[in-house]
């Protein structure tokens, strides 16, 4: 199965890309997909504390328990604030 992974802000700088496509042999939990992203892009974990990163599945915040399916869109981004 294939999923699109989007990187926003500082995460795209760490990865060197704004978008990639990853393959998985079967449906996986979001937390498993995130671990694969960290393994494929070590600069992401090197430059960011995991706790400062957020992850979404199909434009909904993820707690890591969602099942990722073929064609899903994942996003990795840092905290944002505004005023």
N, C-alpha and C. Protein backbone atom coordinates (compact mmCIF):
# COMPACT_ATOMS: atom_id res chain seq x y z
N UNK A 1 0.84 -1.18 0.00
CA UNK A 1 0.00 0.00 0.00
C UNK A 1 0.88 1.23 0.00
N UNK A 2 0.36 2.30 -0.55
CA UNK A 2 1.11 3.55 -0.65
C UNK A 2 0.38 4.67 0.07
N UNK A 3 1.17 5.53 0.76
CA UNK A 3 0.62 6.69 1.43
C UNK A 3 1.48 7.91 1.11
N UNK A 4 0.84 9.06 1.05
CA UNK A 4 1.54 10.31 0.83
C UNK A 4 1.87 10.92 2.19
N UNK A 5 3.12 11.38 2.34
CA UNK A 5 3.55 12.03 3.58
C UNK A 5 3.94 13.46 3.25
N UNK A 6 3.33 14.41 3.94
CA UNK A 6 3.60 15.83 3.75
C UNK A 6 4.38 16.36 4.95
N UNK A 7 5.35 17.21 4.68
CA UNK A 7 6.14 17.85 5.73
C UNK A 7 5.92 19.35 5.65
N UNK A 8 5.65 19.97 6.79
CA UNK A 8 5.38 21.40 6.82
C UNK A 8 6.40 22.12 7.71
N UNK A 9 6.69 23.38 7.34
CA UNK A 9 7.56 24.22 8.14
C UNK A 9 8.94 23.63 8.33
N UNK A 10 9.39 23.65 9.57
CA UNK A 10 10.75 23.19 9.90
C UNK A 10 10.95 21.71 9.59
N UNK A 11 9.89 20.91 9.58
CA UNK A 11 10.06 19.49 9.28
C UNK A 11 10.48 19.30 7.83
N UNK A 12 9.97 20.12 6.92
CA UNK A 12 10.39 20.00 5.52
C UNK A 12 11.84 20.40 5.36
N UNK A 13 12.31 21.37 6.15
CA UNK A 13 13.73 21.74 6.12
C UNK A 13 14.60 20.58 6.59
N UNK A 14 14.17 19.89 7.62
CA UNK A 14 14.94 18.76 8.17
C UNK A 14 15.00 17.58 7.21
N UNK A 15 13.92 17.37 6.48
CA UNK A 15 13.83 16.24 5.56
C UNK A 15 14.41 16.59 4.19
N UNK A 16 14.30 17.87 3.83
CA UNK A 16 14.78 18.30 2.53
C UNK A 16 13.75 18.15 1.43
N UNK A 17 12.52 17.84 1.82
CA UNK A 17 11.42 17.66 0.86
C UNK A 17 10.12 18.10 1.52
N UNK A 18 9.16 18.45 0.70
CA UNK A 18 7.83 18.80 1.22
C UNK A 18 6.88 17.62 1.17
N UNK A 19 7.19 16.65 0.30
CA UNK A 19 6.26 15.54 0.11
C UNK A 19 7.03 14.30 -0.35
N UNK A 20 6.65 13.16 0.20
CA UNK A 20 7.22 11.87 -0.23
C UNK A 20 6.10 10.84 -0.25
N UNK A 21 6.37 9.73 -0.88
CA UNK A 21 5.43 8.62 -0.86
C UNK A 21 6.13 7.44 -0.22
N UNK A 22 5.46 6.80 0.73
CA UNK A 22 6.00 5.63 1.41
C UNK A 22 5.13 4.42 1.12
N UNK A 23 5.76 3.25 1.15
CA UNK A 23 5.04 2.00 0.93
C UNK A 23 5.08 1.16 2.19
N UNK A 24 3.98 0.46 2.44
CA UNK A 24 3.86 -0.48 3.54
C UNK A 24 3.28 -1.77 2.97
N UNK A 25 3.64 -2.89 3.56
CA UNK A 25 3.14 -4.18 3.08
C UNK A 25 1.67 -4.40 3.40
N UNK A 26 1.20 -3.75 4.47
CA UNK A 26 -0.19 -3.94 4.90
C UNK A 26 -0.62 -2.71 5.68
N UNK A 27 -1.90 -2.65 6.02
CA UNK A 27 -2.39 -1.55 6.85
C UNK A 27 -1.63 -1.55 8.17
N UNK A 28 -1.26 -0.36 8.64
CA UNK A 28 -0.49 -0.22 9.88
C UNK A 28 -1.10 0.88 10.73
N UNK A 29 -0.75 0.88 12.00
CA UNK A 29 -1.16 1.97 12.88
C UNK A 29 -0.33 3.21 12.55
N UNK A 30 -0.88 4.36 12.83
CA UNK A 30 -0.20 5.63 12.57
C UNK A 30 1.15 5.69 13.29
N UNK A 31 1.24 5.19 14.51
CA UNK A 31 2.51 5.23 15.23
C UNK A 31 3.58 4.40 14.53
N UNK A 32 3.21 3.31 13.88
CA UNK A 32 4.16 2.50 13.12
C UNK A 32 4.63 3.26 11.88
N UNK A 33 3.70 3.95 11.23
CA UNK A 33 4.06 4.76 10.07
C UNK A 33 5.03 5.86 10.47
N UNK A 34 4.80 6.48 11.61
CA UNK A 34 5.69 7.55 12.08
C UNK A 34 7.08 7.01 12.36
N UNK A 35 7.18 5.83 12.93
CA UNK A 35 8.50 5.23 13.18
C UNK A 35 9.24 4.99 11.86
N UNK A 36 8.52 4.58 10.82
CA UNK A 36 9.15 4.38 9.51
C UNK A 36 9.62 5.72 8.95
N UNK A 37 8.83 6.77 9.14
CA UNK A 37 9.23 8.10 8.68
C UNK A 37 10.52 8.53 9.37
N UNK A 38 10.62 8.32 10.69
CA UNK A 38 11.85 8.67 11.41
C UNK A 38 13.03 7.83 10.92
N UNK A 39 12.80 6.58 10.62
CA UNK A 39 13.88 5.71 10.14
C UNK A 39 14.36 6.15 8.76
N UNK A 40 13.45 6.56 7.89
CA UNK A 40 13.80 6.97 6.54
C UNK A 40 14.42 8.36 6.49
N UNK A 41 14.08 9.20 7.45
CA UNK A 41 14.56 10.58 7.47
C UNK A 41 15.15 10.91 8.85
N UNK A 42 16.36 10.42 9.13
CA UNK A 42 16.95 10.60 10.46
C UNK A 42 17.14 12.07 10.85
N UNK A 43 17.25 12.96 9.88
CA UNK A 43 17.38 14.38 10.19
C UNK A 43 16.17 14.93 10.91
N UNK A 44 15.03 14.31 10.70
CA UNK A 44 13.80 14.76 11.35
C UNK A 44 13.91 14.59 12.87
N UNK A 45 14.31 13.41 13.29
CA UNK A 45 14.44 13.16 14.72
C UNK A 45 15.65 13.89 15.30
N UNK A 46 16.70 14.03 14.50
CA UNK A 46 17.91 14.72 14.96
C UNK A 46 17.63 16.19 15.26
N UNK A 47 16.78 16.82 14.44
CA UNK A 47 16.54 18.25 14.57
C UNK A 47 15.31 18.61 15.40
N UNK A 48 14.50 17.61 15.75
CA UNK A 48 13.27 17.91 16.48
C UNK A 48 13.05 16.88 17.58
N UNK A 49 12.65 17.36 18.72
CA UNK A 49 12.22 16.49 19.80
C UNK A 49 10.89 15.86 19.37
N UNK A 50 10.78 14.54 19.46
CA UNK A 50 9.54 13.87 19.02
C UNK A 50 8.30 14.48 19.66
N UNK A 51 8.44 14.94 20.89
CA UNK A 51 7.29 15.50 21.59
C UNK A 51 6.86 16.84 21.02
N UNK A 52 7.73 17.50 20.26
CA UNK A 52 7.38 18.79 19.67
C UNK A 52 6.74 18.64 18.30
N UNK A 53 6.70 17.41 17.78
CA UNK A 53 6.13 17.17 16.46
C UNK A 53 4.69 16.71 16.57
N UNK A 54 3.92 17.07 15.57
CA UNK A 54 2.53 16.63 15.48
C UNK A 54 2.36 15.84 14.20
N UNK A 55 1.34 15.02 14.19
CA UNK A 55 1.12 14.08 13.11
C UNK A 55 -0.36 14.05 12.82
N UNK A 56 -0.71 14.10 11.55
CA UNK A 56 -2.13 13.99 11.21
C UNK A 56 -2.34 12.92 10.15
N UNK A 57 -3.53 12.38 10.14
CA UNK A 57 -3.95 11.38 9.16
C UNK A 57 -5.18 11.94 8.46
N UNK A 58 -5.07 12.14 7.17
CA UNK A 58 -6.18 12.69 6.39
C UNK A 58 -6.72 13.97 7.00
N UNK A 59 -5.80 14.85 7.38
CA UNK A 59 -6.09 16.19 7.91
C UNK A 59 -6.78 16.20 9.26
N UNK A 60 -6.64 15.11 10.01
CA UNK A 60 -7.15 15.03 11.38
C UNK A 60 -5.99 14.69 12.30
N UNK A 61 -5.86 15.42 13.42
CA UNK A 61 -4.78 15.11 14.35
C UNK A 61 -4.80 13.62 14.70
N UNK A 62 -3.61 13.06 14.83
CA UNK A 62 -3.49 11.64 15.12
C UNK A 62 -2.95 11.43 16.52
N UNK A 63 -3.48 10.42 17.20
CA UNK A 63 -2.92 10.02 18.49
C UNK A 63 -2.06 8.77 18.34
N UNK A 64 -1.91 8.30 17.10
CA UNK A 64 -1.06 7.15 16.83
C UNK A 64 -1.80 5.84 16.71
N UNK A 65 -3.07 5.82 17.06
CA UNK A 65 -3.83 4.57 17.04
C UNK A 65 -4.64 4.35 15.77
N UNK A 66 -4.71 5.35 14.91
CA UNK A 66 -5.49 5.22 13.68
C UNK A 66 -4.83 4.19 12.76
N UNK A 67 -5.63 3.50 12.00
CA UNK A 67 -5.12 2.55 11.01
C UNK A 67 -4.91 3.30 9.70
N UNK A 68 -3.70 3.20 9.17
CA UNK A 68 -3.35 3.83 7.91
C UNK A 68 -3.69 2.86 6.78
N UNK A 69 -4.40 3.36 5.78
CA UNK A 69 -4.82 2.53 4.66
C UNK A 69 -4.26 3.09 3.36
N UNK A 70 -4.31 2.28 2.32
CA UNK A 70 -3.81 2.67 1.02
C UNK A 70 -4.43 4.00 0.59
N UNK A 71 -3.58 4.93 0.15
CA UNK A 71 -4.04 6.22 -0.34
C UNK A 71 -4.21 7.29 0.71
N UNK A 72 -4.00 6.96 1.98
CA UNK A 72 -4.13 7.97 3.03
C UNK A 72 -3.04 9.03 2.90
N UNK A 73 -3.31 10.17 3.50
CA UNK A 73 -2.36 11.28 3.53
C UNK A 73 -1.93 11.51 4.97
N UNK A 74 -0.64 11.50 5.20
CA UNK A 74 -0.08 11.76 6.52
C UNK A 74 0.63 13.10 6.47
N UNK A 75 0.66 13.80 7.56
CA UNK A 75 1.39 15.07 7.64
C UNK A 75 2.17 15.11 8.93
N UNK A 76 3.37 15.69 8.85
CA UNK A 76 4.24 15.86 10.01
C UNK A 76 4.54 17.36 10.11
N UNK A 77 4.36 17.92 11.30
CA UNK A 77 4.57 19.36 11.45
C UNK A 77 4.91 19.68 12.90
N UNK A 78 5.46 20.87 13.10
CA UNK A 78 5.79 21.34 14.45
C UNK A 78 4.62 22.14 15.01
N UNK A 79 4.68 22.38 16.29
CA UNK A 79 3.65 23.20 16.93
C UNK A 79 3.64 24.59 16.30
N UNK A 80 2.46 25.14 16.19
CA UNK A 80 2.33 26.49 15.68
C UNK A 80 1.59 27.32 16.72
N UNK A 81 1.94 28.58 16.77
CA UNK A 81 1.24 29.47 17.70
C UNK A 81 0.99 30.79 16.99
N UNK A 82 0.06 31.48 17.50
CA UNK A 82 -0.26 32.77 16.89
C UNK A 82 -0.89 33.67 17.92
N UNK A 83 -1.14 34.84 17.50
CA UNK A 83 -1.71 35.76 18.46
C UNK A 83 -2.62 36.74 17.81
